[in-house]
Amino acid sequence: MSRRVAILGAGGIAFGYAAFLRQQGHEVTLWSPSGHGTAALANGADLRASGAVVGGWKVRVASTCAEALSSAQLVIVALPAYGHRTVIDAMAPHVENGQVVVFSAHLSLAAQVLRRALSARGVAAPVAALGTTVLTARKSEPDAVRIGTVRQKVDIAVLPVEATGDVVAQCCDLFGDRFEATPDLLSVALANLNPQNHLAIALCNLTRMELGETWRQASHITPAVCRLIEALDAERLALAAAFGIQVRTVHQHIHLSYGVSIGSLAEMEHELAQRPGGVNGPATLDTRYVTEDVPFGLVPTLELAALMGVPMPLHEAGVRTMSALYGRDFAGENDLLPALGRLSREILIG
C-alpha cells in the first residue's frame, strides 16, 4: 500500500530515504529549513540514485514545513542533530493527532523534546527514535545520491510505548522487516554506536579529512582504530549495564547491519574492506562525524555517565580533543539538552 511520507532534511540520508521509498512506490515530499539542498529537485530535476538503490524519480519539494506535513501519514526527521532544534520548532505547531514522527538517527533525546512540545499543544502523535539510520548514503551531486548499505536490523523506540506495535508495522511497510523494538528511549539512545565509532574513525584519519583526500573508509579502519573503537565500546556497555540495560556490542551491530561474520573487530572490518563498493571517508573537517556526533552524541552520553557515576575517560578525552582540534566548545553546542533540564531516569524513558 502506497503511503505519503514527509522527509525533513536534504542531505545524503534524506535523499537516500527518498530514493528508497520512491522505488517502493510511496509518495515522498522533501523539505529542508534553508531550501538550498532541495533546489535542484524543486527546479524539476529527477532524484537519481546509485549503489544499493538504482534509478531516478520525481520527488515533491515543499516550500514550508507546514506544507510538507499537511498530507503526510508519517514524517521522517533525517538531518544532522544540530538542525533538530530548528526543525522541532518548525514542525511542532503543525503535527496532527495520530501523525507518526520518526527521528533517524536519534541523538540528544530529540524525540523527548518534540514530545514535550506536542504535549503542550494537547497533540497525541507517536514519536519514534531509531538507533541508527536505515541506510548509509552520501550526496554525489545536488540531485544525486549514492546509497552504500541498507541495514538488516535497526533498533527503534516509540513514545508512548503503547504505540510501538503500530509504529513498527508502519515502518516495516516502508522499509521492510528490519526494525527491532527496544523498551524505551534510553535503550535506543545507548544502542547508537555512531558517536563512538565516528570519533575513532575521524580522530585517526583527521589529516586525510583536512587535506580533502579520497580514502575508502573501511580500508582505513585499521587494527589500531579497531582497538580504540572496542575500548570506547567497553565504556558504552558499562554505562548501559549501570542502567540495567543490555545493548548490542559493536561486533553484534556490524554483524547485523552488514552481514559480516562475528570475530575480532579488525577481522570484521577487513572483511568489509574486501567488498566492492562501500563509501569513502569524509573529505572535509566539516563532517557530521564530528560536528554532529561530538556535541549531540558524545556530550549527552557523558551527561548520562555523570548521572550514574560511570567513568568514561575515552569519551571525555574525545570531546576535549576534538574541541581543541577544531577550536570549538563542542560541549556547549548542544541546544537540545537544555530543553530537558536536569536529566532523570523518568525523562530518559519518556
C-alpha atoms as a PDB file:
ATOM      1  CA  MET A   1       0.000   0.000   0.000  1.00  0.00           C
ATOM      2  CA  SER A   2       1.376   3.382  -1.006  1.00  0.00           C
ATOM      3  CA  ARG A   3       1.972   5.801   1.871  1.00  0.00           C
ATOM      4  CA  ARG A   4       2.512   9.556   1.985  1.00  0.00           C
ATOM      5  CA  VAL A   5       5.816  10.372   3.670  1.00  0.00           C
ATOM      6  CA  ALA A   6       7.374  13.718   4.529  1.00  0.00           C
ATOM      7  CA  ILE A   7      11.160  13.750   4.884  1.00  0.00           C
ATOM      8  CA  LEU A   8      12.627  16.726   6.714  1.00  0.00           C
ATOM      9  CA  GLY A   9      16.209  17.154   5.532  1.00  0.00           C
ATOM     10  CA  ALA A  10      18.198  17.436   2.333  1.00  0.00           C
ATOM     11  CA  GLY A  11      21.425  15.544   2.981  1.00  0.00           C
ATOM     12  CA  GLY A  12      22.575  12.113   1.916  1.00  0.00           C
ATOM     13  CA  ILE A  13      20.341  10.187   4.327  1.00  0.00           C
ATOM     14  CA  ALA A  14      17.241  12.226   3.426  1.00  0.00           C
ATOM     15  CA  PHE A  15      17.895  11.725  -0.293  1.00  0.00           C
ATOM     16  CA  GLY A  16      18.662   8.049   0.321  1.00  0.00           C
ATOM     17  CA  TYR A  17      15.343   7.555   2.100  1.00  0.00           C
ATOM     18  CA  ALA A  18      13.517   9.425  -0.647  1.00  0.00           C
ATOM     19  CA  ALA A  19      15.047   7.221  -3.340  1.00  0.00           C
ATOM     20  CA  PHE A  20      14.371   4.009  -1.401  1.00  0.00           C
ATOM     21  CA  LEU A  21      10.742   4.942  -0.746  1.00  0.00           C
ATOM     22  CA  ARG A  22      10.088   6.139  -4.290  1.00  0.00           C
ATOM     23  CA  GLN A  23      11.463   2.847  -5.608  1.00  0.00           C
ATOM     24  CA  GLN A  24       8.895   1.091  -3.386  1.00  0.00           C
ATOM     25  CA  GLY A  25       6.081   3.217  -4.844  1.00  0.00           C
ATOM     26  CA  HIS A  26       5.487   5.567  -1.913  1.00  0.00           C
ATOM     27  CA  GLU A  27       4.749   9.277  -2.219  1.00  0.00           C
ATOM     28  CA  VAL A  28       7.567  11.447  -0.876  1.00  0.00           C
ATOM     29  CA  THR A  29       7.751  15.146  -0.016  1.00  0.00           C
ATOM     30  CA  LEU A  30      11.095  16.699   0.939  1.00  0.00           C
ATOM     31  CA  TRP A  31      11.583  19.858   2.984  1.00  0.00           C
ATOM     32  CA  SER A  32      14.663  21.489   4.444  1.00  0.00           C
ATOM     33  CA  PRO A  33      14.909  24.692   6.501  1.00  0.00           C
ATOM     34  CA  SER A  34      17.166  26.549   4.041  1.00  0.00           C
ATOM     35  CA  GLY A  35      15.856  25.054   0.812  1.00  0.00           C
ATOM     36  CA  HIS A  36      19.365  25.007  -0.645  1.00  0.00           C
ATOM     37  CA  GLY A  37      19.768  21.236  -0.601  1.00  0.00           C
ATOM     38  CA  THR A  38      16.486  20.633  -2.422  1.00  0.00           C
ATOM     39  CA  ALA A  39      16.831  23.428  -5.013  1.00  0.00           C
ATOM     40  CA  ALA A  40      17.726  21.145  -7.936  1.00  0.00           C
ATOM     41  CA  LEU A  41      14.757  18.857  -7.262  1.00  0.00           C
ATOM     42  CA  ALA A  42      12.442  21.845  -6.778  1.00  0.00           C
ATOM     43  CA  ASN A  43      13.504  23.060 -10.223  1.00  0.00           C
ATOM     44  CA  GLY A  44      12.367  19.801 -11.831  1.00  0.00           C
ATOM     45  CA  ALA A  45      15.395  17.517 -11.711  1.00  0.00           C
ATOM     46  CA  ASP A  46      14.839  13.830 -11.031  1.00  0.00           C
ATOM     47  CA  LEU A  47      16.328  12.383  -7.861  1.00  0.00           C
ATOM     48  CA  ARG A  48      18.980   9.965  -9.113  1.00  0.00           C
ATOM     49  CA  ALA A  49      20.253   7.084  -7.002  1.00  0.00           C
ATOM     50  CA  SER A  50      23.132   4.655  -7.415  1.00  0.00           C
ATOM     51  CA  GLY A  51      24.645   1.893  -5.302  1.00  0.00           C
ATOM     52  CA  ALA A  52      22.240  -0.231  -3.254  1.00  0.00           C
ATOM     53  CA  VAL A  53      19.286   1.562  -4.888  1.00  0.00           C
ATOM     54  CA  VAL A  54      19.387   2.472  -8.578  1.00  0.00           C
ATOM     55  CA  GLY A  55      17.003   4.661 -10.525  1.00  0.00           C
ATOM     56  CA  GLY A  56      15.547   8.114 -10.970  1.00  0.00           C
ATOM     57  CA  TRP A  57      12.267   9.569  -9.710  1.00  0.00           C
ATOM     58  CA  LYS A  58      10.369  12.812  -9.365  1.00  0.00           C
ATOM     59  CA  VAL A  59      10.154  13.931  -5.740  1.00  0.00           C
ATOM     60  CA  ARG A  60       7.858  16.648  -4.480  1.00  0.00           C
ATOM     61  CA  VAL A  61       9.567  19.531  -2.645  1.00  0.00           C
ATOM     62  CA  ALA A  62       7.641  21.618  -0.112  1.00  0.00           C
ATOM     63  CA  SER A  63       8.380  25.297   0.428  1.00  0.00           C
ATOM     64  CA  THR A  64       7.366  25.219   4.107  1.00  0.00           C
ATOM     65  CA  CYS A  65       7.381  22.674   6.901  1.00  0.00           C
ATOM     66  CA  ALA A  66       3.617  23.054   7.282  1.00  0.00           C
ATOM     67  CA  GLU A  67       3.159  22.179   3.608  1.00  0.00           C
ATOM     68  CA  ALA A  68       5.353  19.095   3.936  1.00  0.00           C
ATOM     69  CA  LEU A  69       3.407  17.820   6.938  1.00  0.00           C
ATOM     70  CA  SER A  70      -0.053  18.715   5.660  1.00  0.00           C
ATOM     71  CA  SER A  71      -0.826  15.411   3.952  1.00  0.00           C
ATOM     72  CA  ALA A  72       1.848  13.097   5.371  1.00  0.00           C
ATOM     73  CA  GLN A  73       0.931   9.937   7.208  1.00  0.00           C
ATOM     74  CA  LEU A  74       4.464   9.556   8.516  1.00  0.00           C
ATOM     75  CA  VAL A  75       7.219  12.154   8.992  1.00  0.00           C
ATOM     76  CA  ILE A  76      10.926  11.301   8.996  1.00  0.00           C
ATOM     77  CA  VAL A  77      13.404  13.741  10.518  1.00  0.00           C
ATOM     78  CA  ALA A  78      16.587  13.000   8.582  1.00  0.00           C
ATOM     79  CA  LEU A  79      19.146  15.713   9.103  1.00  0.00           C
ATOM     80  CA  PRO A  80      22.076  16.247  11.469  1.00  0.00           C
ATOM     81  CA  ALA A  81      21.221  16.714  15.131  1.00  0.00           C
ATOM     82  CA  TYR A  82      22.499  20.278  15.064  1.00  0.00           C
ATOM     83  CA  GLY A  83      19.446  21.009  12.925  1.00  0.00           C
ATOM     84  CA  HIS A  84      16.959  19.149  15.121  1.00  0.00           C
ATOM     85  CA  ARG A  85      16.025  22.085  17.333  1.00  0.00           C
ATOM     86  CA  THR A  86      15.245  24.282  14.314  1.00  0.00           C
ATOM     87  CA  VAL A  87      13.128  21.551  12.735  1.00  0.00           C
ATOM     88  CA  ILE A  88      11.362  20.702  16.006  1.00  0.00           C
ATOM     89  CA  ASP A  89      10.380  24.362  16.405  1.00  0.00           C
ATOM     90  CA  ALA A  90       9.158  24.440  12.780  1.00  0.00           C
ATOM     91  CA  MET A  91       7.159  21.207  12.905  1.00  0.00           C
ATOM     92  CA  ALA A  92       5.723  21.206  16.426  1.00  0.00           C
ATOM     93  CA  PRO A  93       2.861  23.638  15.594  1.00  0.00           C
ATOM     94  CA  HIS A  94       1.756  21.517  12.605  1.00  0.00           C
ATOM     95  CA  VAL A  95       1.957  17.873  13.713  1.00  0.00           C
ATOM     96  CA  GLU A  96      -1.544  16.408  13.970  1.00  0.00           C
ATOM     97  CA  ASN A  97      -3.094  13.739  16.180  1.00  0.00           C
ATOM     98  CA  GLY A  98      -2.077  10.271  15.019  1.00  0.00           C
ATOM     99  CA  GLN A  99       0.666  11.502  12.684  1.00  0.00           C
ATOM    100  CA  VAL A 100       3.821   9.432  13.262  1.00  0.00           C
ATOM    101  CA  VAL A 101       7.201  11.183  13.549  1.00  0.00           C
ATOM    102  CA  VAL A 102      10.439   9.202  13.241  1.00  0.00           C
ATOM    103  CA  PHE A 103      13.864  10.583  14.195  1.00  0.00           C
ATOM    104  CA  SER A 104      16.616   8.977  12.129  1.00  0.00           C
ATOM    105  CA  ALA A 105      19.031   8.570  13.684  1.00  0.00           C
ATOM    106  CA  HIS A 106      18.289   9.636  17.224  1.00  0.00           C
ATOM    107  CA  LEU A 107      20.707  11.819  19.187  1.00  0.00           C
ATOM    108  CA  SER A 108      20.433  14.007  22.306  1.00  0.00           C
ATOM    109  CA  LEU A 109      16.932  12.773  23.176  1.00  0.00           C
ATOM    110  CA  ALA A 110      15.374  14.897  20.443  1.00  0.00           C
ATOM    111  CA  ALA A 111      12.285  12.682  20.416  1.00  0.00           C
ATOM    112  CA  GLN A 112      11.541  13.633  24.012  1.00  0.00           C
ATOM    113  CA  VAL A 113      11.979  17.344  23.193  1.00  0.00           C
ATOM    114  CA  LEU A 114       9.367  17.063  20.435  1.00  0.00           C
ATOM    115  CA  ARG A 115       7.023  15.029  22.643  1.00  0.00           C
ATOM    116  CA  ARG A 116       7.061  17.790  25.239  1.00  0.00           C
ATOM    117  CA  ALA A 117       6.257  20.403  22.603  1.00  0.00           C
ATOM    118  CA  LEU A 118       3.365  18.321  21.268  1.00  0.00           C
ATOM    119  CA  SER A 119       2.024  17.616  24.754  1.00  0.00           C
ATOM    120  CA  ALA A 120       1.918  21.348  25.402  1.00  0.00           C
ATOM    121  CA  ARG A 121      -0.456  21.594  22.408  1.00  0.00           C
ATOM    122  CA  GLY A 122      -2.500  18.609  23.534  1.00  0.00           C
ATOM    123  CA  VAL A 123      -1.471  16.641  20.426  1.00  0.00           C
ATOM    124  CA  ALA A 124      -1.273  12.838  20.661  1.00  0.00           C
ATOM    125  CA  ALA A 125       1.218  11.841  17.984  1.00  0.00           C
ATOM    126  CA  PRO A 126       3.586   8.882  18.383  1.00  0.00           C
ATOM    127  CA  VAL A 127       7.272   9.802  18.168  1.00  0.00           C
ATOM    128  CA  ALA A 128       9.807   7.121  17.264  1.00  0.00           C
ATOM    129  CA  ALA A 129      13.581   7.132  17.598  1.00  0.00           C
ATOM    130  CA  LEU A 130      15.910   4.949  15.530  1.00  0.00           C
ATOM    131  CA  GLY A 131      19.226   3.801  16.960  1.00  0.00           C
ATOM    132  CA  THR A 132      20.880   4.385  13.598  1.00  0.00           C
ATOM    133  CA  THR A 133      19.915   5.216  10.041  1.00  0.00           C
ATOM    134  CA  VAL A 134      18.149   2.576   7.958  1.00  0.00           C
ATOM    135  CA  LEU A 135      20.750   3.072   5.249  1.00  0.00           C
ATOM    136  CA  THR A 136      24.098   4.717   4.598  1.00  0.00           C
ATOM    137  CA  ALA A 137      24.260   7.310   1.833  1.00  0.00           C
ATOM    138  CA  ARG A 138      26.155  10.325   0.519  1.00  0.00           C
ATOM    139  CA  LYS A 139      25.008  13.006  -1.896  1.00  0.00           C
ATOM    140  CA  SER A 140      27.188  12.893  -5.004  1.00  0.00           C
ATOM    141  CA  GLU A 141      25.554  15.824  -6.795  1.00  0.00           C
ATOM    142  CA  PRO A 142      22.748  18.285  -5.956  1.00  0.00           C
ATOM    143  CA  ASP A 143      20.219  15.850  -7.444  1.00  0.00           C
ATOM    144  CA  ALA A 144      22.011  12.553  -6.881  1.00  0.00           C
ATOM    145  CA  VAL A 145      22.773  10.198  -4.005  1.00  0.00           C
ATOM    146  CA  ARG A 146      24.890   7.071  -3.660  1.00  0.00           C
ATOM    147  CA  ILE A 147      23.451   4.538  -1.222  1.00  0.00           C
ATOM    148  CA  GLY A 148      26.068   2.301   0.341  1.00  0.00           C
ATOM    149  CA  THR A 149      24.183  -0.163   2.537  1.00  0.00           C
ATOM    150  CA  VAL A 150      20.624  -0.879   3.648  1.00  0.00           C
ATOM    151  CA  ARG A 151      20.958  -2.189   7.194  1.00  0.00           C
ATOM    152  CA  GLN A 152      19.472  -5.541   8.127  1.00  0.00           C
ATOM    153  CA  LYS A 153      18.472  -4.561  11.678  1.00  0.00           C
ATOM    154  CA  VAL A 154      17.670  -1.180  13.232  1.00  0.00           C
ATOM    155  CA  ASP A 155      16.674  -0.512  16.850  1.00  0.00           C
ATOM    156  CA  ILE A 156      13.551   1.585  17.406  1.00  0.00           C
ATOM    157  CA  ALA A 157      11.901   3.094  20.481  1.00  0.00           C
ATOM    158  CA  VAL A 158       8.408   4.613  20.428  1.00  0.00           C
ATOM    159  CA  LEU A 159       6.774   7.206  22.666  1.00  0.00           C
ATOM    160  CA  PRO A 160       4.289   6.326  24.048  1.00  0.00           C
ATOM    161  CA  VAL A 161       5.291   2.688  24.364  1.00  0.00           C
ATOM    162  CA  GLU A 162       1.676   1.601  23.768  1.00  0.00           C
ATOM    163  CA  ALA A 163       2.003   2.747  20.141  1.00  0.00           C
ATOM    164  CA  THR A 164       5.064   0.594  19.472  1.00  0.00           C
ATOM    165  CA  GLY A 165       3.303  -2.187  17.558  1.00  0.00           C
ATOM    166  CA  ASP A 166       1.501   0.148  15.162  1.00  0.00           C
ATOM    167  CA  VAL A 167       4.524   2.378  14.545  1.00  0.00           C
ATOM    168  CA  VAL A 168       6.865  -0.558  13.921  1.00  0.00           C
ATOM    169  CA  ALA A 169       4.314  -2.004  11.485  1.00  0.00           C
ATOM    170  CA  GLN A 170       4.207   1.301   9.582  1.00  0.00           C
ATOM    171  CA  CYS A 171       7.995   1.489   9.427  1.00  0.00           C
ATOM    172  CA  CYS A 172       8.116  -2.088   8.146  1.00  0.00           C
ATOM    173  CA  ASP A 173       5.592  -1.192   5.449  1.00  0.00           C
ATOM    174  CA  LEU A 174       8.006   1.488   4.279  1.00  0.00           C
ATOM    175  CA  PHE A 175      11.423  -0.103   4.723  1.00  0.00           C
ATOM    176  CA  GLY A 176      10.838  -3.818   5.201  1.00  0.00           C
ATOM    177  CA  ASP A 177      11.016  -6.105   8.215  1.00  0.00           C
ATOM    178  CA  ARG A 178      14.222  -4.773   9.738  1.00  0.00           C
ATOM    179  CA  PHE A 179      13.108  -2.999  12.943  1.00  0.00           C
ATOM    180  CA  GLU A 180      13.652  -4.340  16.449  1.00  0.00           C
ATOM    181  CA  ALA A 181      11.708  -2.620  19.222  1.00  0.00           C
ATOM    182  CA  THR A 182      13.554  -1.571  22.381  1.00  0.00           C
ATOM    183  CA  PRO A 183      11.859  -0.947  25.740  1.00  0.00           C
ATOM    184  CA  ASP A 184      12.352   2.825  25.946  1.00  0.00           C
ATOM    185  CA  LEU A 185      14.138   5.906  24.663  1.00  0.00           C
ATOM    186  CA  LEU A 186      17.151   5.351  26.898  1.00  0.00           C
ATOM    187  CA  SER A 187      17.685   1.882  25.442  1.00  0.00           C
ATOM    188  CA  VAL A 188      17.787   3.160  21.874  1.00  0.00           C
ATOM    189  CA  ALA A 189      19.997   6.104  22.861  1.00  0.00           C
ATOM    190  CA  LEU A 190      22.599   3.771  24.361  1.00  0.00           C
ATOM    191  CA  ALA A 191      22.346   1.465  21.343  1.00  0.00           C
ATOM    192  CA  ASN A 192      23.598   4.202  18.983  1.00  0.00           C
ATOM    193  CA  LEU A 193      27.198   3.377  18.117  1.00  0.00           C
ATOM    194  CA  ASN A 194      27.768   6.150  15.571  1.00  0.00           C
ATOM    195  CA  PRO A 195      29.224   8.720  18.012  1.00  0.00           C
ATOM    196  CA  GLN A 196      31.885   6.391  19.405  1.00  0.00           C
ATOM    197  CA  ASN A 197      32.735   4.782  16.062  1.00  0.00           C
ATOM    198  CA  HIS A 198      32.872   8.070  14.183  1.00  0.00           C
ATOM    199  CA  LEU A 199      35.061   9.590  16.891  1.00  0.00           C
ATOM    200  CA  ALA A 200      37.684   6.894  16.398  1.00  0.00           C
ATOM    201  CA  ILE A 201      37.471   6.987  12.586  1.00  0.00           C
ATOM    202  CA  ALA A 202      37.647  10.785  12.372  1.00  0.00           C
ATOM    203  CA  LEU A 203      40.322  11.233  15.012  1.00  0.00           C
ATOM    204  CA  CYS A 204      42.616   8.642  13.434  1.00  0.00           C
ATOM    205  CA  ASN A 205      42.076   9.964   9.898  1.00  0.00           C
ATOM    206  CA  LEU A 206      41.811  13.665  10.669  1.00  0.00           C
ATOM    207  CA  THR A 207      44.578  14.878   8.348  1.00  0.00           C
ATOM    208  CA  ARG A 208      43.038  12.956   5.437  1.00  0.00           C
ATOM    209  CA  MET A 209      39.817  14.833   6.083  1.00  0.00           C
ATOM    210  CA  GLU A 210      41.533  18.195   6.484  1.00  0.00           C
ATOM    211  CA  LEU A 211      43.526  17.765   3.256  1.00  0.00           C
ATOM    212  CA  GLY A 212      40.457  16.677   1.301  1.00  0.00           C
ATOM    213  CA  GLU A 213      41.875  13.294   0.357  1.00  0.00           C
ATOM    214  CA  THR A 214      39.811  10.492  -1.163  1.00  0.00           C
ATOM    215  CA  TRP A 215      40.015   7.463   1.100  1.00  0.00           C
ATOM    216  CA  ARG A 216      37.897   4.350   1.372  1.00  0.00           C
ATOM    217  CA  GLN A 217      36.568   4.262   4.900  1.00  0.00           C
ATOM    218  CA  ALA A 218      36.562   0.528   5.572  1.00  0.00           C
ATOM    219  CA  SER A 219      40.172   0.215   4.404  1.00  0.00           C
ATOM    220  CA  HIS A 220      41.272   2.834   6.929  1.00  0.00           C
ATOM    221  CA  ILE A 221      39.569   1.308   9.941  1.00  0.00           C
ATOM    222  CA  THR A 222      42.825  -0.430  10.717  1.00  0.00           C
ATOM    223  CA  PRO A 223      43.533  -2.756  13.665  1.00  0.00           C
ATOM    224  CA  ALA A 224      44.687   0.232  15.748  1.00  0.00           C
ATOM    225  CA  VAL A 225      41.468   2.126  15.004  1.00  0.00           C
ATOM    226  CA  CYS A 226      39.516  -1.041  15.863  1.00  0.00           C
ATOM    227  CA  ARG A 227      41.227  -1.261  19.246  1.00  0.00           C
ATOM    228  CA  LEU A 228      40.150   2.314  20.016  1.00  0.00           C
ATOM    229  CA  ILE A 229      36.570   1.565  18.935  1.00  0.00           C
ATOM    230  CA  GLU A 230      36.478  -1.542  21.125  1.00  0.00           C
ATOM    231  CA  ALA A 231      37.759   0.451  24.119  1.00  0.00           C
ATOM    232  CA  LEU A 232      35.100   3.130  23.545  1.00  0.00           C
ATOM    233  CA  ASP A 233      32.516   0.374  23.185  1.00  0.00           C
ATOM    234  CA  ALA A 234      33.521  -1.078  26.547  1.00  0.00           C
ATOM    235  CA  GLU A 235      32.732   2.299  28.162  1.00  0.00           C
ATOM    236  CA  ARG A 236      29.318   2.427  26.462  1.00  0.00           C
ATOM    237  CA  LEU A 237      28.492  -1.126  27.547  1.00  0.00           C
ATOM    238  CA  ALA A 238      29.460  -0.295  31.139  1.00  0.00           C
ATOM    239  CA  LEU A 239      27.121   2.707  31.095  1.00  0.00           C
ATOM    240  CA  ALA A 240      24.263   0.607  29.721  1.00  0.00           C
ATOM    241  CA  ALA A 241      24.886  -2.011  32.415  1.00  0.00           C
ATOM    242  CA  ALA A 242      24.711   0.698  35.094  1.00  0.00           C
ATOM    243  CA  PHE A 243      21.200   1.491  33.855  1.00  0.00           C
ATOM    244  CA  GLY A 244      20.329  -2.220  33.810  1.00  0.00           C
ATOM    245  CA  ILE A 245      20.054  -2.188  30.018  1.00  0.00           C
ATOM    246  CA  GLN A 246      21.503  -4.765  27.644  1.00  0.00           C
ATOM    247  CA  VAL A 247      22.614  -3.390  24.281  1.00  0.00           C
ATOM    248  CA  ARG A 248      24.464  -4.942  21.377  1.00  0.00           C
ATOM    249  CA  THR A 249      28.228  -4.852  21.209  1.00  0.00           C
ATOM    250  CA  VAL A 250      29.888  -3.143  18.279  1.00  0.00           C
ATOM    251  CA  HIS A 251      30.638  -6.612  16.876  1.00  0.00           C
ATOM    252  CA  GLN A 252      26.975  -7.648  17.023  1.00  0.00           C
ATOM    253  CA  HIS A 253      25.923  -4.336  15.483  1.00  0.00           C
ATOM    254  CA  ILE A 254      28.230  -4.707  12.475  1.00  0.00           C
ATOM    255  CA  HIS A 255      27.210  -8.341  12.052  1.00  0.00           C
ATOM    256  CA  LEU A 256      23.516  -7.454  11.937  1.00  0.00           C
ATOM    257  CA  SER A 257      23.998  -4.293   9.870  1.00  0.00           C
ATOM    258  CA  TYR A 258      26.289  -5.673   7.196  1.00  0.00           C
ATOM    259  CA  GLY A 259      26.066  -9.463   7.425  1.00  0.00           C
ATOM    260  CA  VAL A 260      29.722  -9.820   8.438  1.00  0.00           C
ATOM    261  CA  SER A 261      30.801 -12.902  10.360  1.00  0.00           C
ATOM    262  CA  ILE A 262      31.452 -12.148  14.038  1.00  0.00           C
ATOM    263  CA  GLY A 263      35.112 -12.099  15.002  1.00  0.00           C
ATOM    264  CA  SER A 264      37.526  -9.508  16.247  1.00  0.00           C
ATOM    265  CA  LEU A 265      36.588  -6.041  15.046  1.00  0.00           C
ATOM    266  CA  ALA A 266      39.757  -5.913  12.957  1.00  0.00           C
ATOM    267  CA  GLU A 267      38.741  -9.137  11.200  1.00  0.00           C
ATOM    268  CA  MET A 268      35.224  -7.864  10.585  1.00  0.00           C
ATOM    269  CA  GLU A 269      36.415  -4.541   9.169  1.00  0.00           C
ATOM    270  CA  HIS A 270      38.922  -6.358   6.974  1.00  0.00           C
ATOM    271  CA  GLU A 271      36.074  -8.458   5.562  1.00  0.00           C
ATOM    272  CA  LEU A 272      34.090  -5.291   4.862  1.00  0.00           C
ATOM    273  CA  ALA A 273      37.092  -3.690   3.177  1.00  0.00           C
ATOM    274  CA  GLN A 274      37.290  -6.572   0.689  1.00  0.00           C
ATOM    275  CA  ARG A 275      33.766  -5.999  -0.555  1.00  0.00           C
ATOM    276  CA  PRO A 276      33.215  -3.977  -3.716  1.00  0.00           C
ATOM    277  CA  GLY A 277      31.672  -0.559  -3.432  1.00  0.00           C
ATOM    278  CA  GLY A 278      31.388   0.920   0.023  1.00  0.00           C
ATOM    279  CA  VAL A 279      31.675   4.560   0.994  1.00  0.00           C
ATOM    280  CA  ASN A 280      34.590   6.952   1.154  1.00  0.00           C
ATOM    281  CA  GLY A 281      35.512   8.635   4.396  1.00  0.00           C
ATOM    282  CA  PRO A 282      34.838  12.338   4.951  1.00  0.00           C
ATOM    283  CA  ALA A 283      36.914  14.669   2.776  1.00  0.00           C
ATOM    284  CA  THR A 284      36.468  17.741   4.969  1.00  0.00           C
ATOM    285  CA  LEU A 285      36.623  18.708   8.632  1.00  0.00           C
ATOM    286  CA  ASP A 286      33.031  19.897   8.236  1.00  0.00           C
ATOM    287  CA  THR A 287      31.638  16.400   8.697  1.00  0.00           C
ATOM    288  CA  ARG A 288      28.794  15.211  10.873  1.00  0.00           C
ATOM    289  CA  TYR A 289      31.182  12.545  12.207  1.00  0.00           C
ATOM    290  CA  VAL A 290      32.462  15.391  14.381  1.00  0.00           C
ATOM    291  CA  THR A 291      30.159  18.421  14.204  1.00  0.00           C
ATOM    292  CA  GLU A 292      27.093  16.275  14.962  1.00  0.00           C
ATOM    293  CA  ASP A 293      28.348  13.219  16.796  1.00  0.00           C
ATOM    294  CA  VAL A 294      30.580  15.001  19.294  1.00  0.00           C
ATOM    295  CA  PRO A 295      28.160  17.632  20.698  1.00  0.00           C
ATOM    296  CA  PHE A 296      24.963  15.647  20.168  1.00  0.00           C
ATOM    297  CA  GLY A 297      26.240  12.102  20.708  1.00  0.00           C
ATOM    298  CA  LEU A 298      29.260  12.044  22.988  1.00  0.00           C
ATOM    299  CA  VAL A 299      28.232  15.018  25.142  1.00  0.00           C
ATOM    300  CA  PRO A 300      24.818  13.596  26.169  1.00  0.00           C
ATOM    301  CA  THR A 301      26.459  10.210  26.739  1.00  0.00           C
ATOM    302  CA  LEU A 302      28.746  11.901  29.248  1.00  0.00           C
ATOM    303  CA  GLU A 303      25.697  13.525  30.866  1.00  0.00           C
ATOM    304  CA  LEU A 304      24.207  10.060  31.315  1.00  0.00           C
ATOM    305  CA  ALA A 305      27.510   8.810  32.701  1.00  0.00           C
ATOM    306  CA  ALA A 306      27.586  11.640  35.240  1.00  0.00           C
ATOM    307  CA  LEU A 307      24.006  10.792  36.266  1.00  0.00           C
ATOM    308  CA  MET A 308      25.057   7.206  37.012  1.00  0.00           C
ATOM    309  CA  GLY A 309      28.590   7.899  38.273  1.00  0.00           C
ATOM    310  CA  VAL A 310      30.175   5.842  35.481  1.00  0.00           C
ATOM    311  CA  PRO A 311      33.668   6.935  34.364  1.00  0.00           C
ATOM    312  CA  MET A 312      34.075   7.333  30.573  1.00  0.00           C
ATOM    313  CA  PRO A 313      37.605   8.753  30.206  1.00  0.00           C
ATOM    314  CA  LEU A 314      37.953   7.999  26.492  1.00  0.00           C
ATOM    315  CA  HIS A 315      34.620   9.646  25.635  1.00  0.00           C
ATOM    316  CA  GLU A 316      35.568  12.675  27.720  1.00  0.00           C
ATOM    317  CA  ALA A 317      39.013  12.859  26.127  1.00  0.00           C
ATOM    318  CA  GLY A 318      37.379  12.616  22.696  1.00  0.00           C
ATOM    319  CA  VAL A 319      35.189  15.657  23.340  1.00  0.00           C
ATOM    320  CA  ARG A 320      38.113  17.658  24.704  1.00  0.00           C
ATOM    321  CA  THR A 321      40.491  16.596  21.923  1.00  0.00           C
ATOM    322  CA  MET A 322      38.070  17.350  19.098  1.00  0.00           C
ATOM    323  CA  SER A 323      37.218  20.697  20.701  1.00  0.00           C
ATOM    324  CA  ALA A 324      40.925  21.567  20.753  1.00  0.00           C
ATOM    325  CA  LEU A 325      41.480  20.398  17.170  1.00  0.00           C
ATOM    326  CA  TYR A 326      38.504  22.394  15.873  1.00  0.00           C
ATOM    327  CA  GLY A 327      38.900  25.393  18.164  1.00  0.00           C
ATOM    328  CA  ARG A 328      35.284  24.992  19.275  1.00  0.00           C
ATOM    329  CA  ASP A 329      33.435  24.277  22.505  1.00  0.00           C
ATOM    330  CA  PHE A 330      31.548  21.186  21.396  1.00  0.00           C
ATOM    331  CA  ALA A 331      30.171  20.613  24.892  1.00  0.00           C
ATOM    332  CA  GLY A 332      28.441  23.979  24.697  1.00  0.00           C
ATOM    333  CA  GLU A 333      26.974  23.496  21.215  1.00  0.00           C
ATOM    334  CA  ASN A 334      24.202  21.092  22.205  1.00  0.00           C
ATOM    335  CA  ASP A 335      20.936  23.089  22.104  1.00  0.00           C
ATOM    336  CA  LEU A 336      18.637  20.131  22.886  1.00  0.00           C
ATOM    337  CA  LEU A 337      19.728  19.022  26.348  1.00  0.00           C
ATOM    338  CA  PRO A 338      18.833  22.385  27.951  1.00  0.00           C
ATOM    339  CA  ALA A 339      15.214  21.855  26.852  1.00  0.00           C
ATOM    340  CA  LEU A 340      15.036  18.754  29.054  1.00  0.00           C
ATOM    341  CA  GLY A 341      16.503  20.330  32.188  1.00  0.00           C
ATOM    342  CA  ARG A 342      18.074  18.081  34.791  1.00  0.00           C
ATOM    343  CA  LEU A 343      18.205  14.519  33.473  1.00  0.00           C
ATOM    344  CA  SER A 344      16.459  11.726  35.319  1.00  0.00           C
ATOM    345  CA  ARG A 345      15.543   8.122  34.546  1.00  0.00           C
ATOM    346  CA  GLU A 346      11.887   9.184  34.116  1.00  0.00           C
ATOM    347  CA  ILE A 347      12.793  11.796  31.478  1.00  0.00           C
ATOM    348  CA  LEU A 348      15.017   9.350  29.646  1.00  0.00           C
ATOM    349  CA  ILE A 349      12.394   6.626  29.465  1.00  0.00           C
ATOM    350  CA  GLY A 350       9.688   9.053  28.379  1.00  0.00           C
END
